[in-house]
Amino acid sequence: MGRGDQRSKKGKMIAGSYGVNRPRPSAVAKAKAAKALLEVVEKPAKVKKVVANKPAAKKTVKKKEA
């Protein structure tokens, strides 16, 4: 039993067919999936503000006069 076996679920998935071991999705399952997809699409994505890091100020050392 495996991918080549038309009677097993795995074999039906590979062949792309339906039957007793692999029934078609019910209307309830399709409705739940559509509702979940709509909830994901409707939520706005969080936008992060990008702040550029300023380079640190260089410290200057005064030279001693001779």
C-alpha atoms as a PDB file:
ATOM      1  CA  MET A   1       0.000   0.000   0.000  1.00  0.00           C
ATOM      2  CA  GLY A   2       1.407   3.311  -0.971  1.00  0.00           C
ATOM      3  CA  ARG A   3       1.466   5.927  -3.636  1.00  0.00           C
ATOM      4  CA  GLY A   4       0.552   3.589  -6.458  1.00  0.00           C
ATOM      5  CA  ASP A   5      -2.374   1.958  -4.644  1.00  0.00           C
ATOM      6  CA  GLN A   6      -5.646   3.526  -5.857  1.00  0.00           C
ATOM      7  CA  ARG A   7      -7.523   2.137  -2.852  1.00  0.00           C
ATOM      8  CA  SER A   8      -5.492   3.993  -0.210  1.00  0.00           C
ATOM      9  CA  LYS A   9      -5.812   7.652   0.747  1.00  0.00           C
ATOM     10  CA  LYS A  10      -2.213   8.323  -0.223  1.00  0.00           C
ATOM     11  CA  GLY A  11      -2.719   6.699  -3.620  1.00  0.00           C
ATOM     12  CA  LYS A  12      -5.849   8.766  -4.250  1.00  0.00           C
ATOM     13  CA  MET A  13      -4.038  11.985  -3.306  1.00  0.00           C
ATOM     14  CA  ILE A  14      -1.237  11.180  -5.757  1.00  0.00           C
ATOM     15  CA  ALA A  15      -3.734  10.333  -8.515  1.00  0.00           C
ATOM     16  CA  GLY A  16      -5.910  13.356  -7.686  1.00  0.00           C
ATOM     17  CA  SER A  17      -9.098  11.325  -7.327  1.00  0.00           C
ATOM     18  CA  TYR A  18     -11.708  10.957  -4.593  1.00  0.00           C
ATOM     19  CA  GLY A  19     -13.506   7.960  -3.143  1.00  0.00           C
ATOM     20  CA  VAL A  20     -14.427   6.129   0.056  1.00  0.00           C
ATOM     21  CA  ASN A  21     -10.974   6.536   1.596  1.00  0.00           C
ATOM     22  CA  ARG A  22     -10.664  10.171   0.485  1.00  0.00           C
ATOM     23  CA  PRO A  23     -14.002  11.970   0.574  1.00  0.00           C
ATOM     24  CA  ARG A  24     -14.456  15.434  -0.904  1.00  0.00           C
ATOM     25  CA  PRO A  25     -14.349  18.402   1.516  1.00  0.00           C
ATOM     26  CA  SER A  26     -17.763  19.120   3.027  1.00  0.00           C
ATOM     27  CA  ALA A  27     -19.579  22.454   2.658  1.00  0.00           C
ATOM     28  CA  VAL A  28     -18.998  23.163   6.361  1.00  0.00           C
ATOM     29  CA  ALA A  29     -15.254  22.686   6.018  1.00  0.00           C
ATOM     30  CA  LYS A  30     -15.174  24.950   2.947  1.00  0.00           C
ATOM     31  CA  ALA A  31     -17.115  27.662   4.807  1.00  0.00           C
ATOM     32  CA  LYS A  32     -14.730  27.516   7.786  1.00  0.00           C
ATOM     33  CA  ALA A  33     -11.716  27.792   5.499  1.00  0.00           C
ATOM     34  CA  ALA A  34     -13.212  30.768   3.642  1.00  0.00           C
ATOM     35  CA  LYS A  35     -14.064  32.532   6.915  1.00  0.00           C
ATOM     36  CA  ALA A  36     -10.542  32.017   8.263  1.00  0.00           C
ATOM     37  CA  LEU A  37      -9.076  33.356   5.018  1.00  0.00           C
ATOM     38  CA  LEU A  38     -11.240  36.494   5.209  1.00  0.00           C
ATOM     39  CA  GLU A  39     -10.147  37.146   8.802  1.00  0.00           C
ATOM     40  CA  VAL A  40      -6.505  36.979   7.778  1.00  0.00           C
ATOM     41  CA  VAL A  41      -7.027  39.289   4.793  1.00  0.00           C
ATOM     42  CA  GLU A  42      -9.061  41.904   6.702  1.00  0.00           C
ATOM     43  CA  LYS A  43      -6.511  42.459   9.481  1.00  0.00           C
ATOM     44  CA  PRO A  44      -4.169  45.328   8.619  1.00  0.00           C
ATOM     45  CA  ALA A  45      -0.504  44.542   8.775  1.00  0.00           C
ATOM     46  CA  LYS A  46       1.551  46.248  11.447  1.00  0.00           C
ATOM     47  CA  VAL A  47       3.911  48.812   9.988  1.00  0.00           C
ATOM     48  CA  LYS A  48       7.235  49.321  11.653  1.00  0.00           C
ATOM     49  CA  LYS A  49       8.883  52.692  11.437  1.00  0.00           C
ATOM     50  CA  VAL A  50      12.459  52.491  10.294  1.00  0.00           C
ATOM     51  CA  VAL A  51      14.742  54.922  12.071  1.00  0.00           C
ATOM     52  CA  ALA A  52      18.207  55.443  10.686  1.00  0.00           C
ATOM     53  CA  ASN A  53      20.951  55.246  13.263  1.00  0.00           C
ATOM     54  CA  LYS A  54      23.093  58.355  13.355  1.00  0.00           C
ATOM     55  CA  PRO A  55      26.834  57.735  13.587  1.00  0.00           C
ATOM     56  CA  ALA A  56      28.348  58.583  16.936  1.00  0.00           C
ATOM     57  CA  ALA A  57      30.077  61.969  17.157  1.00  0.00           C
ATOM     58  CA  LYS A  58      33.850  61.694  16.940  1.00  0.00           C
ATOM     59  CA  LYS A  59      35.784  62.853  19.942  1.00  0.00           C
ATOM     60  CA  THR A  60      38.569  65.249  19.079  1.00  0.00           C
ATOM     61  CA  VAL A  61      41.745  65.429  21.114  1.00  0.00           C
ATOM     62  CA  LYS A  62      43.520  68.771  21.314  1.00  0.00           C
ATOM     63  CA  LYS A  63      47.186  68.614  20.554  1.00  0.00           C
ATOM     64  CA  LYS A  64      49.558  70.079  23.085  1.00  0.00           C
ATOM     65  CA  GLU A  65      51.573  72.991  21.813  1.00  0.00           C
ATOM     66  CA  ALA A  66      55.285  72.627  22.349  1.00  0.00           C
END
